[in-house]
Amino acid sequence: MIDGVFRALADPTRRDVLERLSAKQASVSELAAPYKMALPSFVEHLKVLESCGLVASRKIGRVRTYRLEPDCLKLAEDWLGRQRTLWERRLDRLDSHLLKMKEEENP
């Protein structure tokens, strides 16, 4: 699931759609309006976002409306947080090692 989230976030159009949906839910036509692409191409972006759980949609009559599903973003945030912690520890150990080497070099 997290692979799909990162795959979806890799595209600037999809990131922009998520940012816009963070303000309010919107219909397909509202979401597609700013982009210079055919509607079927834009709908493919929405399908990618929905398939990984970043957005959800509902259809009322002929209008399909999308909304952000922030819980899925939490998966990516948690993973990135763990990676940050890991690399901060590694860099702290490297810093300590380099300081120790410098002290040994200049007693």
PDB file of N, CA and C in Angstrom:
ATOM      1  N   MET A   1       0.818  -1.197   0.000  1.00  0.00           N
ATOM      2  CA  MET A   1       0.000   0.000   0.000  1.00  0.00           C
ATOM      3  C   MET A   1       0.862   1.261   0.000  1.00  0.00           C
ATOM      4  N   ILE A   2       1.932   1.254   0.821  1.00  0.00           N
ATOM      5  CA  ILE A   2       2.772   2.448   0.896  1.00  0.00           C
ATOM      6  C   ILE A   2       3.498   2.705  -0.426  1.00  0.00           C
ATOM      7  N   ASP A   3       3.807   1.635  -1.164  1.00  0.00           N
ATOM      8  CA  ASP A   3       4.427   1.819  -2.483  1.00  0.00           C
ATOM      9  C   ASP A   3       3.501   2.598  -3.406  1.00  0.00           C
ATOM     10  N   GLY A   4       2.219   2.277  -3.367  1.00  0.00           N
ATOM     11  CA  GLY A   4       1.242   2.981  -4.186  1.00  0.00           C
ATOM     12  C   GLY A   4       1.110   4.446  -3.790  1.00  0.00           C
ATOM     13  N   VAL A   5       1.211   4.721  -2.503  1.00  0.00           N
ATOM     14  CA  VAL A   5       1.143   6.103  -2.026  1.00  0.00           C
ATOM     15  C   VAL A   5       2.313   6.901  -2.587  1.00  0.00           C
ATOM     16  N   PHE A   6       3.521   6.352  -2.463  1.00  0.00           N
ATOM     17  CA  PHE A   6       4.690   7.073  -2.977  1.00  0.00           C
ATOM     18  C   PHE A   6       4.652   7.184  -4.504  1.00  0.00           C
ATOM     19  N   ARG A   7       4.162   6.171  -5.168  1.00  0.00           N
ATOM     20  CA  ARG A   7       4.020   6.219  -6.634  1.00  0.00           C
ATOM     21  C   ARG A   7       3.050   7.343  -7.011  1.00  0.00           C
ATOM     22  N   ALA A   8       1.955   7.451  -6.287  1.00  0.00           N
ATOM     23  CA  ALA A   8       0.981   8.505  -6.563  1.00  0.00           C
ATOM     24  C   ALA A   8       1.567   9.885  -6.280  1.00  0.00           C
ATOM     25  N   LEU A   9       2.325  10.002  -5.206  1.00  0.00           N
ATOM     26  CA  LEU A   9       2.908  11.289  -4.835  1.00  0.00           C
ATOM     27  C   LEU A   9       4.057  11.709  -5.754  1.00  0.00           C
ATOM     28  N   ALA A  10       4.557  10.789  -6.554  1.00  0.00           N
ATOM     29  CA  ALA A  10       5.668  11.107  -7.450  1.00  0.00           C
ATOM     30  C   ALA A  10       5.264  12.030  -8.586  1.00  0.00           C
ATOM     31  N   ASP A  11       3.983  12.133  -8.851  1.00  0.00           N
ATOM     32  CA  ASP A  11       3.512  12.937  -9.983  1.00  0.00           C
ATOM     33  C   ASP A  11       3.054  14.313  -9.516  1.00  0.00           C
ATOM     34  N   PRO A  12       3.534  15.399 -10.150  1.00  0.00           N
ATOM     35  CA  PRO A  12       3.150  16.749  -9.707  1.00  0.00           C
ATOM     36  C   PRO A  12       1.659  17.061  -9.871  1.00  0.00           C
ATOM     37  N   THR A  13       1.029  16.522 -10.885  1.00  0.00           N
ATOM     38  CA  THR A  13      -0.412  16.747 -11.059  1.00  0.00           C
ATOM     39  C   THR A  13      -1.174  16.138  -9.896  1.00  0.00           C
ATOM     40  N   ARG A  14      -0.817  14.925  -9.518  1.00  0.00           N
ATOM     41  CA  ARG A  14      -1.519  14.259  -8.414  1.00  0.00           C
ATOM     42  C   ARG A  14      -1.249  14.968  -7.083  1.00  0.00           C
ATOM     43  N   ARG A  15      -0.012  15.443  -6.880  1.00  0.00           N
ATOM     44  CA  ARG A  15       0.273  16.191  -5.650  1.00  0.00           C
ATOM     45  C   ARG A  15      -0.566  17.465  -5.596  1.00  0.00           C
ATOM     46  N   ASP A  16      -0.708  18.124  -6.735  1.00  0.00           N
ATOM     47  CA  ASP A  16      -1.514  19.337  -6.791  1.00  0.00           C
ATOM     48  C   ASP A  16      -2.987  19.038  -6.490  1.00  0.00           C
ATOM     49  N   VAL A  17      -3.496  17.955  -7.041  1.00  0.00           N
ATOM     50  CA  VAL A  17      -4.884  17.556  -6.771  1.00  0.00           C
ATOM     51  C   VAL A  17      -5.075  17.322  -5.276  1.00  0.00           C
ATOM     52  N   LEU A  18      -4.134  16.640  -4.645  1.00  0.00           N
ATOM     53  CA  LEU A  18      -4.239  16.393  -3.203  1.00  0.00           C
ATOM     54  C   LEU A  18      -4.234  17.696  -2.421  1.00  0.00           C
ATOM     55  N   GLU A  19      -3.376  18.618  -2.828  1.00  0.00           N
ATOM     56  CA  GLU A  19      -3.316  19.907  -2.152  1.00  0.00           C
ATOM     57  C   GLU A  19      -4.651  20.645  -2.282  1.00  0.00           C
ATOM     58  N   ARG A  20      -5.220  20.612  -3.458  1.00  0.00           N
ATOM     59  CA  ARG A  20      -6.515  21.269  -3.670  1.00  0.00           C
ATOM     60  C   ARG A  20      -7.622  20.586  -2.870  1.00  0.00           C
ATOM     61  N   LEU A  21      -7.575  19.259  -2.800  1.00  0.00           N
ATOM     62  CA  LEU A  21      -8.595  18.533  -2.032  1.00  0.00           C
ATOM     63  C   LEU A  21      -8.421  18.736  -0.527  1.00  0.00           C
ATOM     64  N   SER A  22      -7.253  19.159  -0.084  1.00  0.00           N
ATOM     65  CA  SER A  22      -7.068  19.409   1.344  1.00  0.00           C
ATOM     66  C   SER A  22      -7.893  20.623   1.793  1.00  0.00           C
ATOM     67  N   ALA A  23      -8.236  21.498   0.853  1.00  0.00           N
ATOM     68  CA  ALA A  23      -9.063  22.662   1.173  1.00  0.00           C
ATOM     69  C   ALA A  23     -10.551  22.317   1.157  1.00  0.00           C
ATOM     70  N   LYS A  24     -10.962  21.533   0.141  1.00  0.00           N
ATOM     71  CA  LYS A  24     -12.383  21.154   0.051  1.00  0.00           C
ATOM     72  C   LYS A  24     -12.549  20.047  -0.979  1.00  0.00           C
ATOM     73  N   GLN A  25     -13.608  19.286  -0.824  1.00  0.00           N
ATOM     74  CA  GLN A  25     -13.900  18.254  -1.819  1.00  0.00           C
ATOM     75  C   GLN A  25     -14.335  18.931  -3.114  1.00  0.00           C
ATOM     76  N   ALA A  26     -14.178  18.204  -4.221  1.00  0.00           N
ATOM     77  CA  ALA A  26     -14.484  18.807  -5.520  1.00  0.00           C
ATOM     78  C   ALA A  26     -14.911  17.744  -6.514  1.00  0.00           C
ATOM     79  N   SER A  27     -15.644  18.187  -7.522  1.00  0.00           N
ATOM     80  CA  SER A  27     -16.075  17.287  -8.591  1.00  0.00           C
ATOM     81  C   SER A  27     -14.922  17.068  -9.566  1.00  0.00           C
ATOM     82  N   VAL A  28     -15.072  16.067 -10.405  1.00  0.00           N
ATOM     83  CA  VAL A  28     -14.060  15.770 -11.412  1.00  0.00           C
ATOM     84  C   VAL A  28     -13.829  16.985 -12.302  1.00  0.00           C
ATOM     85  N   SER A  29     -14.893  17.613 -12.750  1.00  0.00           N
ATOM     86  CA  SER A  29     -14.732  18.761 -13.656  1.00  0.00           C
ATOM     87  C   SER A  29     -14.041  19.930 -12.962  1.00  0.00           C
ATOM     88  N   GLU A  30     -14.325  20.152 -11.678  1.00  0.00           N
ATOM     89  CA  GLU A  30     -13.641  21.214 -10.933  1.00  0.00           C
ATOM     90  C   GLU A  30     -12.152  20.903 -10.806  1.00  0.00           C
ATOM     91  N   LEU A  31     -11.855  19.655 -10.516  1.00  0.00           N
ATOM     92  CA  LEU A  31     -10.451  19.263 -10.364  1.00  0.00           C
ATOM     93  C   LEU A  31      -9.694  19.322 -11.685  1.00  0.00           C
ATOM     94  N   ALA A  32     -10.355  18.950 -12.766  1.00  0.00           N
ATOM     95  CA  ALA A  32      -9.699  18.885 -14.077  1.00  0.00           C
ATOM     96  C   ALA A  32      -9.523  20.253 -14.727  1.00  0.00           C
ATOM     97  N   ALA A  33     -10.329  21.231 -14.343  1.00  0.00           N
ATOM     98  CA  ALA A  33     -10.367  22.526 -15.027  1.00  0.00           C
ATOM     99  C   ALA A  33      -8.999  23.185 -15.247  1.00  0.00           C
ATOM    100  N   PRO A  34      -8.092  23.210 -14.261  1.00  0.00           N
ATOM    101  CA  PRO A  34      -6.835  23.939 -14.474  1.00  0.00           C
ATOM    102  C   PRO A  34      -5.817  23.237 -15.388  1.00  0.00           C
ATOM    103  N   TYR A  35      -6.065  22.010 -15.755  1.00  0.00           N
ATOM    104  CA  TYR A  35      -5.065  21.227 -16.490  1.00  0.00           C
ATOM    105  C   TYR A  35      -5.370  21.176 -17.972  1.00  0.00           C
ATOM    106  N   LYS A  36      -4.329  21.267 -18.756  1.00  0.00           N
ATOM    107  CA  LYS A  36      -4.474  21.193 -20.214  1.00  0.00           C
ATOM    108  C   LYS A  36      -4.250  19.756 -20.665  1.00  0.00           C
ATOM    109  N   MET A  37      -5.208  18.911 -20.300  1.00  0.00           N
ATOM    110  CA  MET A  37      -5.158  17.509 -20.726  1.00  0.00           C
ATOM    111  C   MET A  37      -6.580  17.031 -20.943  1.00  0.00           C
ATOM    112  N   ALA A  38      -6.689  15.997 -21.725  1.00  0.00           N
ATOM    113  CA  ALA A  38      -8.003  15.419 -21.985  1.00  0.00           C
ATOM    114  C   ALA A  38      -8.580  14.865 -20.689  1.00  0.00           C
ATOM    115  N   LEU A  39      -9.884  14.948 -20.538  1.00  0.00           N
ATOM    116  CA  LEU A  39     -10.541  14.475 -19.322  1.00  0.00           C
ATOM    117  C   LEU A  39     -10.217  13.011 -19.017  1.00  0.00           C
ATOM    118  N   PRO A  40     -10.223  12.101 -20.003  1.00  0.00           N
ATOM    119  CA  PRO A  40      -9.875  10.717 -19.681  1.00  0.00           C
ATOM    120  C   PRO A  40      -8.458  10.574 -19.098  1.00  0.00           C
ATOM    121  N   SER A  41      -7.533  11.380 -19.568  1.00  0.00           N
ATOM    122  CA  SER A  41      -6.166  11.351 -19.020  1.00  0.00           C
ATOM    123  C   SER A  41      -6.158  11.837 -17.573  1.00  0.00           C
ATOM    124  N   PHE A  42      -6.919  12.886 -17.304  1.00  0.00           N
ATOM    125  CA  PHE A  42      -6.992  13.399 -15.943  1.00  0.00           C
ATOM    126  C   PHE A  42      -7.657  12.388 -15.012  1.00  0.00           C
ATOM    127  N   VAL A  43      -8.696  11.744 -15.499  1.00  0.00           N
ATOM    128  CA  VAL A  43      -9.399  10.736 -14.688  1.00  0.00           C
ATOM    129  C   VAL A  43      -8.455   9.601 -14.296  1.00  0.00           C
ATOM    130  N   GLU A  44      -7.492   9.279 -15.151  1.00  0.00           N
ATOM    131  CA  GLU A  44      -6.495   8.254 -14.797  1.00  0.00           C
ATOM    132  C   GLU A  44      -5.714   8.665 -13.552  1.00  0.00           C
ATOM    133  N   HIS A  45      -5.396   9.956 -13.420  1.00  0.00           N
ATOM    134  CA  HIS A  45      -4.720  10.449 -12.211  1.00  0.00           C
ATOM    135  C   HIS A  45      -5.598  10.217 -10.983  1.00  0.00           C
ATOM    136  N   LEU A  46      -6.881  10.498 -11.124  1.00  0.00           N
ATOM    137  CA  LEU A  46      -7.792  10.285  -9.999  1.00  0.00           C
ATOM    138  C   LEU A  46      -7.900   8.808  -9.638  1.00  0.00           C
ATOM    139  N   LYS A  47      -7.866   7.946 -10.638  1.00  0.00           N
ATOM    140  CA  LYS A  47      -7.925   6.500 -10.375  1.00  0.00           C
ATOM    141  C   LYS A  47      -6.696   6.043  -9.595  1.00  0.00           C
ATOM    142  N   VAL A  48      -5.534   6.580  -9.942  1.00  0.00           N
ATOM    143  CA  VAL A  48      -4.306   6.230  -9.213  1.00  0.00           C
ATOM    144  C   VAL A  48      -4.432   6.675  -7.756  1.00  0.00           C
ATOM    145  N   LEU A  49      -4.886   7.893  -7.554  1.00  0.00           N
ATOM    146  CA  LEU A  49      -5.052   8.409  -6.187  1.00  0.00           C
ATOM    147  C   LEU A  49      -6.068   7.589  -5.392  1.00  0.00           C
ATOM    148  N   GLU A  50      -7.138   7.188  -6.042  1.00  0.00           N
ATOM    149  CA  GLU A  50      -8.166   6.421  -5.345  1.00  0.00           C
ATOM    150  C   GLU A  50      -7.705   4.986  -5.083  1.00  0.00           C
ATOM    151  N   SER A  51      -6.982   4.399  -6.026  1.00  0.00           N
ATOM    152  CA  SER A  51      -6.568   3.003  -5.854  1.00  0.00           C
ATOM    153  C   SER A  51      -5.598   2.823  -4.688  1.00  0.00           C
ATOM    154  N   CYS A  52      -4.825   3.855  -4.360  1.00  0.00           N
ATOM    155  CA  CYS A  52      -3.908   3.723  -3.220  1.00  0.00           C
ATOM    156  C   CYS A  52      -4.513   4.275  -1.937  1.00  0.00           C
ATOM    157  N   GLY A  53      -5.741   4.779  -2.005  1.00  0.00           N
ATOM    158  CA  GLY A  53      -6.443   5.216  -0.808  1.00  0.00           C
ATOM    159  C   GLY A  53      -6.231   6.668  -0.404  1.00  0.00           C
ATOM    160  N   LEU A  54      -5.551   7.459  -1.239  1.00  0.00           N
ATOM    161  CA  LEU A  54      -5.334   8.861  -0.886  1.00  0.00           C
ATOM    162  C   LEU A  54      -6.591   9.713  -1.040  1.00  0.00           C
ATOM    163  N   VAL A  55      -7.488   9.297  -1.931  1.00  0.00           N
ATOM    164  CA  VAL A  55      -8.766   9.995  -2.099  1.00  0.00           C
ATOM    165  C   VAL A  55      -9.884   8.967  -2.144  1.00  0.00           C
ATOM    166  N   ALA A  56     -11.072   9.452  -1.889  1.00  0.00           N
ATOM    167  CA  ALA A  56     -12.275   8.619  -2.024  1.00  0.00           C
ATOM    168  C   ALA A  56     -13.276   9.422  -2.846  1.00  0.00           C
ATOM    169  N   SER A  57     -14.144   8.716  -3.533  1.00  0.00           N
ATOM    170  CA  SER A  57     -15.130   9.413  -4.351  1.00  0.00           C
ATOM    171  C   SER A  57     -16.518   8.867  -4.067  1.00  0.00           C
ATOM    172  N   ARG A  58     -17.488   9.682  -4.427  1.00  0.00           N
ATOM    173  CA  ARG A  58     -18.877   9.222  -4.384  1.00  0.00           C
ATOM    174  C   ARG A  58     -19.593   9.865  -5.551  1.00  0.00           C
ATOM    175  N   LYS A  59     -20.559   9.145  -6.051  1.00  0.00           N
ATOM    176  CA  LYS A  59     -21.298   9.616  -7.211  1.00  0.00           C
ATOM    177  C   LYS A  59     -22.739   9.898  -6.793  1.00  0.00           C
ATOM    178  N   ILE A  60     -23.160  11.122  -7.080  1.00  0.00           N
ATOM    179  CA  ILE A  60     -24.549  11.511  -6.835  1.00  0.00           C
ATOM    180  C   ILE A  60     -25.100  11.978  -8.181  1.00  0.00           C
ATOM    181  N   GLY A  61     -26.016  11.209  -8.710  1.00  0.00           N
ATOM    182  CA  GLY A  61     -26.521  11.494 -10.047  1.00  0.00           C
ATOM    183  C   GLY A  61     -25.408  11.284 -11.059  1.00  0.00           C
ATOM    184  N   ARG A  62     -25.110  12.322 -11.806  1.00  0.00           N
ATOM    185  CA  ARG A  62     -24.046  12.217 -12.812  1.00  0.00           C
ATOM    186  C   ARG A  62     -22.736  12.846 -12.344  1.00  0.00           C
ATOM    187  N   VAL A  63     -22.713  13.339 -11.111  1.00  0.00           N
ATOM    188  CA  VAL A  63     -21.537  14.060 -10.607  1.00  0.00           C
ATOM    189  C   VAL A  63     -20.756  13.191  -9.631  1.00  0.00           C
ATOM    190  N   ARG A  64     -19.479  12.992  -9.943  1.00  0.00           N
ATOM    191  CA  ARG A  64     -18.583  12.269  -9.040  1.00  0.00           C
ATOM    192  C   ARG A  64     -17.744  13.294  -8.293  1.00  0.00           C
ATOM    193  N   THR A  65     -17.774  13.198  -6.966  1.00  0.00           N
ATOM    194  CA  THR A  65     -17.051  14.129  -6.101  1.00  0.00           C
ATOM    195  C   THR A  65     -15.944  13.377  -5.368  1.00  0.00           C
ATOM    196  N   TYR A  66     -14.788  14.032  -5.260  1.00  0.00           N
ATOM    197  CA  TYR A  66     -13.626  13.442  -4.592  1.00  0.00           C
ATOM    198  C   TYR A  66     -13.323  14.201  -3.316  1.00  0.00           C
ATOM    199  N   ARG A  67     -12.811  13.466  -2.331  1.00  0.00           N
ATOM    200  CA  ARG A  67     -12.368  14.061  -1.074  1.00  0.00           C
ATOM    201  C   ARG A  67     -11.049  13.408  -0.662  1.00  0.00           C
ATOM    202  N   LEU A  68     -10.265  14.133   0.083  1.00  0.00           N
ATOM    203  CA  LEU A  68      -8.977  13.645   0.572  1.00  0.00           C
ATOM    204  C   LEU A  68      -9.189  12.635   1.689  1.00  0.00           C
ATOM    205  N   GLU A  69      -8.376  11.592   1.707  1.00  0.00           N
ATOM    206  CA  GLU A  69      -8.368  10.600   2.790  1.00  0.00           C
ATOM    207  C   GLU A  69      -7.016  10.707   3.497  1.00  0.00           C
ATOM    208  N   PRO A  70      -6.903  11.580   4.492  1.00  0.00           N
ATOM    209  CA  PRO A  70      -5.597  11.879   5.092  1.00  0.00           C
ATOM    210  C   PRO A  70      -4.928  10.721   5.832  1.00  0.00           C
ATOM    211  N   ASP A  71      -5.685   9.703   6.233  1.00  0.00           N
ATOM    212  CA  ASP A  71      -5.076   8.582   6.957  1.00  0.00           C
ATOM    213  C   ASP A  71      -4.006   7.890   6.123  1.00  0.00           C
ATOM    214  N   CYS A  72      -4.206   7.849   4.830  1.00  0.00           N
ATOM    215  CA  CYS A  72      -3.232   7.203   3.951  1.00  0.00           C
ATOM    216  C   CYS A  72      -1.933   8.004   3.905  1.00  0.00           C
ATOM    217  N   LEU A  73      -2.038   9.313   3.974  1.00  0.00           N
ATOM    218  CA  LEU A  73      -0.833  10.144   4.014  1.00  0.00           C
ATOM    219  C   LEU A  73      -0.043   9.881   5.297  1.00  0.00           C
ATOM    220  N   LYS A  74      -0.744   9.503   6.346  1.00  0.00           N
ATOM    221  CA  LYS A  74      -0.091   9.208   7.622  1.00  0.00           C
ATOM    222  C   LYS A  74       0.878   8.036   7.478  1.00  0.00           C
ATOM    223  N   LEU A  75       0.546   7.063   6.638  1.00  0.00           N
ATOM    224  CA  LEU A  75       1.460   5.944   6.381  1.00  0.00           C
ATOM    225  C   LEU A  75       2.801   6.450   5.861  1.00  0.00           C
ATOM    226  N   ALA A  76       2.739   7.340   4.872  1.00  0.00           N
ATOM    227  CA  ALA A  76       3.960   7.892   4.290  1.00  0.00           C
ATOM    228  C   ALA A  76       4.700   8.748   5.313  1.00  0.00           C
ATOM    229  N   GLU A  77       3.966   9.541   6.063  1.00  0.00           N
ATOM    230  CA  GLU A  77       4.572  10.402   7.082  1.00  0.00           C
ATOM    231  C   GLU A  77       5.297   9.557   8.140  1.00  0.00           C
ATOM    232  N   ASP A  78       4.666   8.493   8.590  1.00  0.00           N
ATOM    233  CA  ASP A  78       5.279   7.617   9.591  1.00  0.00           C
ATOM    234  C   ASP A  78       6.541   6.965   9.050  1.00  0.00           C
ATOM    235  N   TRP A  79       6.500   6.492   7.827  1.00  0.00           N
ATOM    236  CA  TRP A  79       7.673   5.856   7.222  1.00  0.00           C
ATOM    237  C   TRP A  79       8.814   6.865   7.108  1.00  0.00           C
ATOM    238  N   LEU A  80       8.495   8.058   6.626  1.00  0.00           N
ATOM    239  CA  LEU A  80       9.525   9.092   6.491  1.00  0.00           C
ATOM    240  C   LEU A  80      10.096   9.480   7.858  1.00  0.00           C
ATOM    241  N   GLY A  81       9.252   9.526   8.858  1.00  0.00           N
ATOM    242  CA  GLY A  81       9.720   9.827  10.213  1.00  0.00           C
ATOM    243  C   GLY A  81      10.701   8.787  10.720  1.00  0.00           C
ATOM    244  N   ARG A  82      10.401   7.520  10.470  1.00  0.00           N
ATOM    245  CA  ARG A  82      11.327   6.453  10.892  1.00  0.00           C
ATOM    246  C   ARG A  82      12.654   6.570  10.148  1.00  0.00           C
ATOM    247  N   GLN A  83      12.593   6.891   8.864  1.00  0.00           N
ATOM    248  CA  GLN A  83      13.828   7.059   8.083  1.00  0.00           C
ATOM    249  C   GLN A  83      14.637   8.246   8.591  1.00  0.00           C
ATOM    250  N   ARG A  84      13.966   9.327   8.922  1.00  0.00           N
ATOM    251  CA  ARG A  84      14.655  10.505   9.447  1.00  0.00           C
ATOM    252  C   ARG A  84      15.374  10.169  10.752  1.00  0.00           C
ATOM    253  N   THR A  85      14.680   9.477  11.649  1.00  0.00           N
ATOM    254  CA  THR A  85      15.278   9.091  12.920  1.00  0.00           C
ATOM    255  C   THR A  85      16.498   8.219  12.700  1.00  0.00           C
ATOM    256  N   LEU A  86      16.389   7.241  11.813  1.00  0.00           N
ATOM    257  CA  LEU A  86      17.506   6.347  11.500  1.00  0.00           C
ATOM    258  C   LEU A  86      18.710   7.133  10.998  1.00  0.00           C
ATOM    259  N   TRP A  87      18.493   8.028  10.044  1.00  0.00           N
ATOM    260  CA  TRP A  87      19.608   8.777   9.461  1.00  0.00           C
ATOM    261  C   TRP A  87      20.169   9.821  10.420  1.00  0.00           C
ATOM    262  N   GLU A  88      19.345  10.384  11.269  1.00  0.00           N
ATOM    263  CA  GLU A  88      19.866  11.316  12.273  1.00  0.00           C
ATOM    264  C   GLU A  88      20.798  10.593  13.236  1.00  0.00           C
ATOM    265  N   ARG A  89      20.417   9.381  13.657  1.00  0.00           N
ATOM    266  CA  ARG A  89      21.295   8.587  14.534  1.00  0.00           C
ATOM    267  C   ARG A  89      22.617   8.272  13.841  1.00  0.00           C
ATOM    268  N   ARG A  90      22.532   7.851  12.592  1.00  0.00           N
ATOM    269  CA  ARG A  90      23.748   7.527  11.839  1.00  0.00           C
ATOM    270  C   ARG A  90      24.654   8.744  11.697  1.00  0.00           C
ATOM    271  N   LEU A  91      24.077   9.874  11.389  1.00  0.00           N
ATOM    272  CA  LEU A  91      24.879  11.092  11.232  1.00  0.00           C
ATOM    273  C   LEU A  91      25.468  11.544  12.570  1.00  0.00           C
ATOM    274  N   ASP A  92      24.720  11.365  13.661  1.00  0.00           N
ATOM    275  CA  ASP A  92      25.249  11.689  14.985  1.00  0.00           C
ATOM    276  C   ASP A  92      26.450  10.809  15.316  1.00  0.00           C
ATOM    277  N   ARG A  93      26.366   9.504  14.992  1.00  0.00           N
ATOM    278  CA  ARG A  93      27.496   8.601  15.240  1.00  0.00           C
ATOM    279  C   ARG A  93      28.700   8.982  14.380  1.00  0.00           C
ATOM    280  N   LEU A  94      28.452   9.345  13.130  1.00  0.00           N
ATOM    281  CA  LEU A  94      29.537   9.770  12.251  1.00  0.00           C
ATOM    282  C   LEU A  94      30.188  11.038  12.794  1.00  0.00           C
ATOM    283  N   ASP A  95      29.392  11.977  13.246  1.00  0.00           N
ATOM    284  CA  ASP A  95      29.913  13.215  13.815  1.00  0.00           C
ATOM    285  C   ASP A  95      30.790  12.918  15.029  1.00  0.00           C
ATOM    286  N   SER A  96      30.317  12.046  15.904  1.00  0.00           N
ATOM    287  CA  SER A  96      31.099  11.664  17.092  1.00  0.00           C
ATOM    288  C   SER A  96      32.412  11.011  16.693  1.00  0.00           C
ATOM    289  N   HIS A  97      32.346  10.136  15.727  1.00  0.00           N
ATOM    290  CA  HIS A  97      33.552   9.444  15.256  1.00  0.00           C
ATOM    291  C   HIS A  97      34.549  10.443  14.670  1.00  0.00           C
ATOM    292  N   LEU A  98      34.099  11.364  13.871  1.00  0.00           N
ATOM    293  CA  LEU A  98      34.984  12.359  13.261  1.00  0.00           C
ATOM    294  C   LEU A  98      35.595  13.284  14.307  1.00  0.00           C
ATOM    295  N   LEU A  99      34.815  13.665  15.312  1.00  0.00           N
ATOM    296  CA  LEU A  99      35.353  14.491  16.394  1.00  0.00           C
ATOM    297  C   LEU A  99      36.427  13.735  17.174  1.00  0.00           C
ATOM    298  N   LYS A 100      36.183  12.459  17.394  1.00  0.00           N
ATOM    299  CA  LYS A 100      37.155  11.636  18.119  1.00  0.00           C
ATOM    300  C   LYS A 100      38.443  11.516  17.310  1.00  0.00           C
ATOM    301  N   MET A 101      38.303  11.305  16.007  1.00  0.00           N
ATOM    302  CA  MET A 101      39.489  11.210  15.142  1.00  0.00           C
ATOM    303  C   MET A 101      40.270  12.529  15.168  1.00  0.00           C
ATOM    304  N   LYS A 102      39.588  13.647  15.149  1.00  0.00           N
ATOM    305  CA  LYS A 102      40.239  14.948  15.160  1.00  0.00           C
ATOM    306  C   LYS A 102      40.986  15.163  16.465  1.00  0.00           C
ATOM    307  N   GLU A 103      40.367  14.758  17.592  1.00  0.00           N
ATOM    308  CA  GLU A 103      41.016  14.886  18.909  1.00  0.00           C
ATOM    309  C   GLU A 103      42.271  14.016  18.982  1.00  0.00           C
ATOM    310  N   GLU A 104      42.211  12.805  18.428  1.00  0.00           N
ATOM    311  CA  GLU A 104      43.358  11.910  18.445  1.00  0.00           C
ATOM    312  C   GLU A 104      44.485  12.449  17.551  1.00  0.00           C
ATOM    313  N   GLU A 105      44.107  13.123  16.499  1.00  0.00           N
ATOM    314  CA  GLU A 105      45.069  13.685  15.558  1.00  0.00           C
ATOM    315  C   GLU A 105      45.772  14.905  16.157  1.00  0.00           C
ATOM    316  N   ASN A 106      45.063  15.700  16.946  1.00  0.00           N
ATOM    317  CA  ASN A 106      45.603  16.916  17.581  1.00  0.00           C
ATOM    318  C   ASN A 106      45.420  16.828  19.086  1.00  0.00           C
ATOM    319  N   PRO A 107      46.310  16.092  19.767  1.00  0.00           N
ATOM    320  CA  PRO A 107      46.120  15.894  21.215  1.00  0.00           C
ATOM    321  C   PRO A 107      46.310  17.139  22.044  1.00  0.00           C
TER     322      PRO A 107
END
